[in-house]
Every structure is written in structure tokens, then in C-alpha cells.
Amino acid sequence: MFDKDFMYSRPFNFEKIATDIVHEFNFDYGYGFKMQHKYGPSCYMFGVIYSNGKRSFRSDEERKRISNWMWGSEKVYSGNIRDVYEMNFLSKDCLLQQTKVGELKTWIESSSKNGSLKKINDKIFLWNVELQEIERIRTSLISILVSEMDYTKM
């Protein structure tokens, strides 16, 4: 039996759980996100837009970002990242991506507003981003985000 009150009565460290998963399964890239069940987080992961049958809960811009993942997920193998999340697990290739002002790693480390980097293991770094900074960061990194690429011209 599942008791939600018991689960939430203890401190929940999502970062530790996600980091343990990275160590256990040896991922090359990942991200952590929180989403209400009614928005279809299991669909979101695959770039599918969830709808309750009547309407989508998402704006046109957000639907485009989500569906771009379905068409461009292979781009992470060349170092691109899906989007900007509060918790981003990035490979060295991701950190070497060129932004408008140099490598992503250098850009992140240039200001605390750009988040913080923490080495998880020899190949993965955790990039934590404050929720209120995501839109600004997304705009700054538009050239390396799969969510912002134009797949209509392929």
C-alpha cells in the first residue's frame, strides 16, 4: 500500500537520487524535472505532447520545444542539450559546446546566475540552475538547445 503522507513527511533529496542513478547506469546525458502528472511527464520524456482529449495544457511555443525532442534527440550525441532544467547532467562534450561567448563550461562559470557545476564522475557534471533563471539562460544558449532547433527545414 502506498502512503503519500509517509513519503512526504521525510526530506526528499531528488539530486542525490538522480546522482545515484547516474553512477549506477553510467549515463552520458540527462536532466531532472518536476511536472504534475496531469501534464504527462512520461510522454514529455519522449517528446510527445500530452492532452486530456479536449485541449493541450501547453502554449504553442512549449509544444514546439517538446516535439523537437522527438525529432532531434540524437543531437545529444554531438554535445547538444535538450533544454535547460533545474538539474542537468552534462558530458564533457556538452560543456565544450560553443555559445555566443565561448564554451558552455566557461559561460556557466562566468556568473553564479548561470548556475553551478559539480563533478559527478569522470564523464558527467551536474549543472544546477535556479528556476527563475531558466528563461534567461535558454535565450542565451539557444544555439545549442535541441528544444530551440527548427526541424521544419530538414
N, C-alpha and C. Protein backbone atom coordinates (compact mmCIF):
# COMPACT_ATOMS: atom_id res chain seq x y z
N MET A 1 0.84 -1.18 0.00
CA MET A 1 0.00 0.00 0.00
C MET A 1 0.89 1.24 0.00
N PHE A 2 0.53 2.22 -0.79
CA PHE A 2 1.29 3.46 -0.91
C PHE A 2 0.68 4.51 0.00
N ASP A 3 1.49 5.11 0.85
CA ASP A 3 1.03 6.14 1.77
C ASP A 3 1.75 7.45 1.45
N LYS A 4 1.09 8.33 0.70
CA LYS A 4 1.74 9.57 0.27
C LYS A 4 2.14 10.47 1.44
N ASP A 5 1.39 10.44 2.53
CA ASP A 5 1.74 11.26 3.69
C ASP A 5 3.06 10.82 4.30
N PHE A 6 3.28 9.51 4.34
CA PHE A 6 4.55 8.99 4.87
C PHE A 6 5.70 9.41 3.96
N MET A 7 5.50 9.29 2.67
CA MET A 7 6.56 9.63 1.72
C MET A 7 7.00 11.09 1.86
N TYR A 8 6.07 12.00 2.00
CA TYR A 8 6.40 13.42 2.05
C TYR A 8 6.72 13.92 3.45
N SER A 9 6.61 13.08 4.45
CA SER A 9 6.95 13.51 5.80
C SER A 9 8.46 13.49 6.02
N ARG A 10 9.20 12.83 5.14
CA ARG A 10 10.65 12.78 5.24
C ARG A 10 11.27 13.72 4.20
N PRO A 11 12.48 14.24 4.50
CA PRO A 11 13.15 15.08 3.49
C PRO A 11 13.39 14.28 2.21
N PHE A 12 13.18 14.92 1.07
CA PHE A 12 13.33 14.25 -0.23
C PHE A 12 14.47 14.92 -0.97
N ASN A 13 15.53 14.17 -1.25
CA ASN A 13 16.69 14.71 -1.92
C ASN A 13 16.75 14.16 -3.34
N PHE A 14 16.04 14.84 -4.25
CA PHE A 14 15.98 14.39 -5.64
C PHE A 14 17.35 14.39 -6.29
N GLU A 15 18.18 15.38 -5.95
CA GLU A 15 19.52 15.45 -6.53
C GLU A 15 20.34 14.21 -6.17
N LYS A 16 20.27 13.77 -4.92
CA LYS A 16 21.02 12.58 -4.51
C LYS A 16 20.53 11.34 -5.24
N ILE A 17 19.23 11.19 -5.34
CA ILE A 17 18.67 10.02 -6.04
C ILE A 17 19.09 10.04 -7.51
N ALA A 18 18.97 11.19 -8.17
CA ALA A 18 19.35 11.29 -9.58
C ALA A 18 20.83 11.03 -9.77
N THR A 19 21.66 11.56 -8.87
CA THR A 19 23.11 11.35 -8.95
C THR A 19 23.45 9.87 -8.77
N ASP A 20 22.77 9.21 -7.84
CA ASP A 20 22.97 7.76 -7.64
C ASP A 20 22.62 6.98 -8.90
N ILE A 21 21.56 7.39 -9.58
CA ILE A 21 21.15 6.73 -10.83
C ILE A 21 22.22 6.92 -11.91
N VAL A 22 22.77 8.13 -12.01
CA VAL A 22 23.84 8.40 -12.98
C VAL A 22 25.04 7.49 -12.70
N HIS A 23 25.42 7.37 -11.44
CA HIS A 23 26.54 6.48 -11.08
C HIS A 23 26.24 5.03 -11.43
N GLU A 24 25.04 4.59 -11.13
CA GLU A 24 24.67 3.18 -11.33
C GLU A 24 24.58 2.79 -12.80
N PHE A 25 24.00 3.66 -13.61
CA PHE A 25 23.73 3.31 -15.01
C PHE A 25 24.68 3.94 -16.01
N ASN A 26 25.59 4.78 -15.55
CA ASN A 26 26.65 5.31 -16.40
C ASN A 26 26.12 6.09 -17.62
N PHE A 27 25.18 7.00 -17.39
CA PHE A 27 24.61 7.80 -18.46
C PHE A 27 25.61 8.79 -19.03
N ASP A 28 25.39 9.21 -20.27
CA ASP A 28 26.19 10.25 -20.92
C ASP A 28 25.54 11.62 -20.83
N TYR A 29 24.23 11.64 -20.60
CA TYR A 29 23.49 12.90 -20.57
C TYR A 29 22.18 12.66 -19.83
N GLY A 30 21.68 13.67 -19.17
CA GLY A 30 20.38 13.54 -18.52
C GLY A 30 19.92 14.87 -17.94
N TYR A 31 18.71 14.86 -17.43
CA TYR A 31 18.14 16.05 -16.83
C TYR A 31 17.10 15.61 -15.82
N GLY A 32 16.88 16.43 -14.83
CA GLY A 32 15.85 16.16 -13.84
C GLY A 32 14.81 17.24 -13.91
N PHE A 33 13.56 16.85 -13.87
CA PHE A 33 12.48 17.84 -13.91
C PHE A 33 11.32 17.38 -13.04
N LYS A 34 10.53 18.35 -12.61
CA LYS A 34 9.32 18.08 -11.85
C LYS A 34 8.15 18.53 -12.72
N MET A 35 7.11 17.69 -12.76
CA MET A 35 5.96 18.02 -13.57
C MET A 35 4.73 17.35 -12.98
N GLN A 36 3.64 18.06 -12.90
CA GLN A 36 2.40 17.46 -12.42
C GLN A 36 1.98 16.33 -13.35
N HIS A 37 1.42 15.30 -12.77
CA HIS A 37 1.00 14.13 -13.54
C HIS A 37 0.04 14.49 -14.66
N LYS A 38 -0.84 15.46 -14.42
CA LYS A 38 -1.84 15.82 -15.44
C LYS A 38 -1.20 16.37 -16.72
N TYR A 39 0.08 16.77 -16.67
CA TYR A 39 0.77 17.27 -17.86
C TYR A 39 1.53 16.18 -18.62
N GLY A 40 1.47 14.94 -18.13
CA GLY A 40 2.05 13.82 -18.86
C GLY A 40 3.56 13.75 -18.85
N PRO A 41 4.21 13.68 -17.67
CA PRO A 41 5.68 13.63 -17.66
C PRO A 41 6.26 12.43 -18.41
N SER A 42 5.58 11.30 -18.42
CA SER A 42 6.11 10.13 -19.14
C SER A 42 6.05 10.35 -20.65
N CYS A 43 5.10 11.12 -21.13
CA CYS A 43 5.04 11.47 -22.56
C CYS A 43 6.11 12.51 -22.88
N TYR A 44 6.26 13.48 -22.00
CA TYR A 44 7.22 14.56 -22.19
C TYR A 44 8.62 14.03 -22.43
N MET A 45 9.01 13.02 -21.67
CA MET A 45 10.37 12.47 -21.78
C MET A 45 10.70 12.04 -23.21
N PHE A 46 9.69 11.61 -23.96
CA PHE A 46 9.90 11.11 -25.32
C PHE A 46 9.57 12.13 -26.40
N GLY A 47 9.21 13.34 -25.99
CA GLY A 47 8.90 14.39 -26.96
C GLY A 47 7.47 14.31 -27.47
N VAL A 48 6.60 13.69 -26.70
CA VAL A 48 5.19 13.56 -27.08
C VAL A 48 4.38 14.53 -26.22
N ILE A 49 3.48 15.24 -26.85
CA ILE A 49 2.66 16.22 -26.15
C ILE A 49 1.41 15.55 -25.63
N TYR A 50 1.22 15.62 -24.33
CA TYR A 50 0.06 15.00 -23.68
C TYR A 50 -1.13 15.94 -23.75
N SER A 51 -2.29 15.36 -23.99
CA SER A 51 -3.53 16.12 -23.99
C SER A 51 -4.59 15.28 -23.29
N ASN A 52 -5.52 15.93 -22.62
CA ASN A 52 -6.58 15.21 -21.94
C ASN A 52 -7.72 14.82 -22.89
N GLY A 53 -7.51 14.99 -24.18
CA GLY A 53 -8.53 14.67 -25.18
C GLY A 53 -9.35 15.88 -25.58
N LYS A 54 -9.32 16.92 -24.80
CA LYS A 54 -10.08 18.14 -25.09
C LYS A 54 -9.17 19.27 -25.56
N ARG A 55 -8.03 19.43 -24.87
CA ARG A 55 -7.13 20.52 -25.23
C ARG A 55 -5.75 20.21 -24.68
N SER A 56 -4.78 20.84 -25.24
CA SER A 56 -3.42 20.71 -24.71
C SER A 56 -3.26 21.72 -23.58
N PHE A 57 -2.45 21.37 -22.60
CA PHE A 57 -2.19 22.27 -21.49
C PHE A 57 -1.03 23.20 -21.79
N ARG A 58 -0.50 23.17 -22.99
CA ARG A 58 0.74 23.86 -23.31
C ARG A 58 0.54 24.95 -24.36
N SER A 59 1.41 25.96 -24.30
CA SER A 59 1.41 27.01 -25.31
C SER A 59 2.00 26.46 -26.60
N ASP A 60 1.81 27.17 -27.71
CA ASP A 60 2.39 26.74 -28.99
C ASP A 60 3.91 26.64 -28.90
N GLU A 61 4.53 27.62 -28.23
CA GLU A 61 5.99 27.63 -28.10
C GLU A 61 6.48 26.41 -27.30
N GLU A 62 5.77 26.10 -26.23
CA GLU A 62 6.17 24.96 -25.41
C GLU A 62 5.94 23.64 -26.15
N ARG A 63 4.86 23.54 -26.90
CA ARG A 63 4.61 22.32 -27.69
C ARG A 63 5.72 22.11 -28.72
N LYS A 64 6.19 23.19 -29.34
CA LYS A 64 7.29 23.09 -30.30
C LYS A 64 8.56 22.59 -29.62
N ARG A 65 8.87 23.14 -28.45
CA ARG A 65 10.07 22.71 -27.72
C ARG A 65 10.00 21.22 -27.37
N ILE A 66 8.82 20.77 -26.95
CA ILE A 66 8.66 19.36 -26.57
C ILE A 66 8.79 18.46 -27.79
N SER A 67 8.10 18.77 -28.88
CA SER A 67 8.14 17.90 -30.05
C SER A 67 9.50 17.91 -30.73
N ASN A 68 10.27 18.97 -30.58
CA ASN A 68 11.62 19.00 -31.14
C ASN A 68 12.47 17.86 -30.59
N TRP A 69 12.20 17.45 -29.37
CA TRP A 69 12.97 16.35 -28.78
C TRP A 69 12.75 15.05 -29.56
N MET A 70 11.53 14.83 -30.02
CA MET A 70 11.24 13.62 -30.79
C MET A 70 12.07 13.61 -32.07
N TRP A 71 12.23 14.77 -32.69
CA TRP A 71 12.93 14.84 -33.97
C TRP A 71 14.44 15.03 -33.83
N GLY A 72 14.89 15.53 -32.68
CA GLY A 72 16.30 15.88 -32.57
C GLY A 72 17.06 15.26 -31.42
N SER A 73 16.50 14.23 -30.79
CA SER A 73 17.15 13.66 -29.61
C SER A 73 18.55 13.14 -29.89
N GLU A 74 18.83 12.74 -31.13
CA GLU A 74 20.17 12.22 -31.45
C GLU A 74 21.23 13.31 -31.38
N LYS A 75 20.82 14.57 -31.36
CA LYS A 75 21.77 15.69 -31.29
C LYS A 75 22.59 15.68 -30.00
N VAL A 76 22.08 15.02 -28.94
CA VAL A 76 22.85 14.98 -27.70
C VAL A 76 24.14 14.19 -27.87
N TYR A 77 24.20 13.31 -28.87
CA TYR A 77 25.42 12.54 -29.09
C TYR A 77 26.55 13.42 -29.62
N SER A 78 26.21 14.61 -30.11
CA SER A 78 27.25 15.54 -30.55
C SER A 78 27.41 16.69 -29.57
N GLY A 79 26.82 16.55 -28.38
CA GLY A 79 27.04 17.53 -27.33
C GLY A 79 25.95 18.56 -27.11
N ASN A 80 24.92 18.57 -27.95
CA ASN A 80 23.82 19.50 -27.72
C ASN A 80 23.04 19.04 -26.48
N ILE A 81 22.27 19.94 -25.90
CA ILE A 81 21.44 19.58 -24.76
C ILE A 81 19.98 19.81 -25.12
N ARG A 82 19.08 19.03 -24.49
CA ARG A 82 17.67 19.11 -24.84
C ARG A 82 17.10 20.50 -24.57
N ASP A 83 17.28 20.96 -23.37
CA ASP A 83 16.73 22.22 -22.92
C ASP A 83 17.43 22.57 -21.62
N VAL A 84 17.00 23.61 -20.95
CA VAL A 84 17.58 23.99 -19.67
C VAL A 84 16.60 23.60 -18.58
N TYR A 85 17.09 22.85 -17.61
CA TYR A 85 16.29 22.37 -16.49
C TYR A 85 16.95 22.81 -15.19
N GLU A 86 16.25 22.63 -14.09
CA GLU A 86 16.87 22.92 -12.79
C GLU A 86 18.05 21.99 -12.54
N MET A 87 17.98 20.78 -13.05
CA MET A 87 19.03 19.79 -12.85
C MET A 87 19.41 19.21 -14.21
N ASN A 88 20.68 19.43 -14.64
CA ASN A 88 21.16 19.00 -15.94
C ASN A 88 22.42 18.17 -15.74
N PHE A 89 22.44 16.95 -16.27
CA PHE A 89 23.62 16.09 -16.20
C PHE A 89 24.32 16.15 -17.54
N LEU A 90 25.48 16.80 -17.58
CA LEU A 90 26.14 17.11 -18.84
C LEU A 90 27.47 16.37 -18.99
N SER A 91 27.72 15.90 -20.20
CA SER A 91 29.01 15.27 -20.52
C SER A 91 30.05 16.35 -20.79
N LYS A 92 31.29 15.94 -20.91
CA LYS A 92 32.35 16.88 -21.29
C LYS A 92 32.06 17.47 -22.67
N ASP A 93 31.50 16.67 -23.59
CA ASP A 93 31.15 17.18 -24.92
C ASP A 93 30.12 18.30 -24.83
N CYS A 94 29.15 18.16 -23.93
CA CYS A 94 28.16 19.23 -23.74
C CYS A 94 28.85 20.50 -23.26
N LEU A 95 29.75 20.35 -22.31
CA LEU A 95 30.42 21.52 -21.73
C LEU A 95 31.36 22.21 -22.71
N LEU A 96 31.76 21.50 -23.78
CA LEU A 96 32.62 22.09 -24.80
C LEU A 96 31.83 22.80 -25.90
N GLN A 97 30.49 22.68 -25.89
CA GLN A 97 29.67 23.33 -26.91
C GLN A 97 29.95 24.84 -26.92
N GLN A 98 29.99 25.41 -28.10
CA GLN A 98 30.27 26.84 -28.26
C GLN A 98 28.98 27.65 -28.13
N THR A 99 28.99 28.59 -27.20
CA THR A 99 27.89 29.54 -27.05
C THR A 99 28.33 30.84 -27.72
N LYS A 100 27.51 31.87 -27.61
CA LYS A 100 27.87 33.17 -28.19
C LYS A 100 29.16 33.73 -27.58
N VAL A 101 29.48 33.32 -26.38
CA VAL A 101 30.64 33.91 -25.68
C VAL A 101 31.69 32.87 -25.30
N GLY A 102 31.72 31.73 -25.97
CA GLY A 102 32.72 30.71 -25.69
C GLY A 102 32.10 29.39 -25.27
N GLU A 103 32.92 28.54 -24.68
CA GLU A 103 32.46 27.21 -24.29
C GLU A 103 31.40 27.30 -23.18
N LEU A 104 30.46 26.35 -23.20
CA LEU A 104 29.38 26.32 -22.22
C LEU A 104 29.94 26.31 -20.79
N LYS A 105 30.95 25.50 -20.54
CA LYS A 105 31.53 25.41 -19.19
C LYS A 105 32.03 26.78 -18.73
N THR A 106 32.72 27.48 -19.58
CA THR A 106 33.24 28.81 -19.25
C THR A 106 32.09 29.78 -19.01
N TRP A 107 31.05 29.70 -19.84
CA TRP A 107 29.89 30.57 -19.70
C TRP A 107 29.20 30.32 -18.36
N ILE A 108 28.98 29.06 -18.00
CA ILE A 108 28.33 28.74 -16.73
C ILE A 108 29.13 29.32 -15.57
N GLU A 109 30.43 29.11 -15.61
CA GLU A 109 31.29 29.53 -14.50
C GLU A 109 31.53 31.04 -14.46
N SER A 110 31.08 31.78 -15.48
CA SER A 110 31.31 33.22 -15.53
C SER A 110 30.39 34.01 -14.60
N SER A 111 29.30 33.41 -14.14
CA SER A 111 28.37 34.11 -13.26
C SER A 111 27.55 33.10 -12.45
N SER A 112 27.34 33.39 -11.18
CA SER A 112 26.52 32.49 -10.36
C SER A 112 25.07 32.46 -10.85
N LYS A 113 24.64 33.48 -11.60
CA LYS A 113 23.29 33.49 -12.17
C LYS A 113 23.14 32.44 -13.27
N ASN A 114 24.27 31.96 -13.80
CA ASN A 114 24.24 30.93 -14.85
C ASN A 114 24.20 29.52 -14.26
N GLY A 115 24.08 29.41 -12.95
CA GLY A 115 24.01 28.12 -12.30
C GLY A 115 25.35 27.71 -11.72
N SER A 116 25.41 26.46 -11.28
CA SER A 116 26.65 25.95 -10.69
C SER A 116 26.94 24.56 -11.25
N LEU A 117 28.23 24.26 -11.37
CA LEU A 117 28.68 22.96 -11.87
C LEU A 117 29.29 22.15 -10.75
N LYS A 118 29.00 20.85 -10.76
CA LYS A 118 29.56 19.94 -9.77
C LYS A 118 29.94 18.65 -10.50
N LYS A 119 31.18 18.23 -10.34
CA LYS A 119 31.64 17.00 -10.99
C LYS A 119 31.01 15.80 -10.29
N ILE A 120 30.35 14.93 -11.07
CA ILE A 120 29.72 13.72 -10.53
C ILE A 120 30.69 12.55 -10.64
N ASN A 121 31.28 12.40 -11.81
CA ASN A 121 32.30 11.37 -12.04
C ASN A 121 33.20 11.86 -13.18
N ASP A 122 34.03 11.00 -13.73
CA ASP A 122 34.99 11.43 -14.75
C ASP A 122 34.34 11.90 -16.05
N LYS A 123 33.08 11.56 -16.27
CA LYS A 123 32.47 11.97 -17.54
C LYS A 123 31.20 12.81 -17.42
N ILE A 124 30.65 12.96 -16.21
CA ILE A 124 29.40 13.70 -16.05
C ILE A 124 29.53 14.80 -14.99
N PHE A 125 28.96 15.96 -15.32
CA PHE A 125 28.89 17.09 -14.39
C PHE A 125 27.42 17.42 -14.17
N LEU A 126 27.09 17.82 -12.95
CA LEU A 126 25.75 18.28 -12.64
C LEU A 126 25.74 19.80 -12.73
N TRP A 127 24.85 20.32 -13.58
CA TRP A 127 24.65 21.76 -13.72
C TRP A 127 23.31 22.09 -13.09
N ASN A 128 23.33 22.75 -11.95
CA ASN A 128 22.11 23.18 -11.27
C ASN A 128 21.78 24.60 -11.69
N VAL A 129 20.51 24.85 -11.99
CA VAL A 129 20.04 26.15 -12.44
C VAL A 129 18.84 26.55 -11.59
N GLU A 130 18.83 27.80 -11.14
CA GLU A 130 17.68 28.31 -10.39
C GLU A 130 16.49 28.44 -11.35
N LEU A 131 15.33 28.05 -10.89
CA LEU A 131 14.11 28.06 -11.71
C LEU A 131 13.87 29.43 -12.34
N GLN A 132 14.06 30.50 -11.60
CA GLN A 132 13.79 31.85 -12.12
C GLN A 132 14.79 32.29 -13.18
N GLU A 133 15.88 31.56 -13.37
CA GLU A 133 16.89 31.91 -14.38
C GLU A 133 16.75 31.12 -15.68
N ILE A 134 15.88 30.11 -15.71
CA ILE A 134 15.80 29.21 -16.87
C ILE A 134 15.50 29.94 -18.17
N GLU A 135 14.52 30.81 -18.19
CA GLU A 135 14.18 31.51 -19.44
C GLU A 135 15.35 32.36 -19.95
N ARG A 136 16.00 33.08 -19.06
CA ARG A 136 17.15 33.90 -19.45
C ARG A 136 18.27 33.03 -20.01
N ILE A 137 18.54 31.93 -19.34
CA ILE A 137 19.60 31.03 -19.78
C ILE A 137 19.23 30.39 -21.12
N ARG A 138 17.98 29.98 -21.26
CA ARG A 138 17.52 29.39 -22.53
C ARG A 138 17.77 30.36 -23.68
N THR A 139 17.46 31.62 -23.49
CA THR A 139 17.68 32.63 -24.52
C THR A 139 19.16 32.78 -24.85
N SER A 140 20.01 32.71 -23.84
CA SER A 140 21.46 32.85 -24.05
C SER A 140 22.06 31.65 -24.78
N LEU A 141 21.46 30.48 -24.60
CA LEU A 141 22.05 29.24 -25.14
C LEU A 141 21.28 28.66 -26.32
N ILE A 142 20.45 29.45 -26.93
CA ILE A 142 19.54 28.98 -27.98
C ILE A 142 20.22 28.15 -29.07
N SER A 143 21.46 28.44 -29.38
CA SER A 143 22.14 27.75 -30.50
C SER A 143 22.53 26.31 -30.18
N ILE A 144 22.54 25.92 -28.91
CA ILE A 144 22.94 24.54 -28.58
C ILE A 144 21.79 23.71 -28.01
N LEU A 145 20.58 24.27 -27.99
CA LEU A 145 19.43 23.58 -27.42
C LEU A 145 18.62 22.87 -28.49
N VAL A 146 18.45 21.57 -28.32
CA VAL A 146 17.61 20.80 -29.25
C VAL A 146 16.20 21.36 -29.26
N SER A 147 15.71 21.82 -28.10
CA SER A 147 14.35 22.33 -28.00
C SER A 147 14.11 23.57 -28.85
N GLU A 148 15.16 24.27 -29.25
CA GLU A 148 15.02 25.52 -30.00
C GLU A 148 15.38 25.38 -31.48
N MET A 149 15.78 24.18 -31.91
CA MET A 149 16.17 24.00 -33.32
C MET A 149 14.93 23.95 -34.20
N ASP A 150 15.11 24.31 -35.48
CA ASP A 150 13.99 24.35 -36.42
C ASP A 150 14.03 23.09 -37.29
N TYR A 151 13.15 22.15 -36.98
CA TYR A 151 13.12 20.88 -37.73
C TYR A 151 12.18 20.95 -38.92
N THR A 152 11.54 22.09 -39.15
CA THR A 152 10.66 22.21 -40.32
C THR A 152 11.48 22.38 -41.59
N LYS A 153 12.77 22.70 -41.47
CA LYS A 153 13.62 22.94 -42.64
C LYS A 153 14.50 21.76 -42.97
N MET A 154 14.18 20.61 -42.42
CA MET A 154 15.01 19.42 -42.65
C MET A 154 14.57 18.72 -43.93
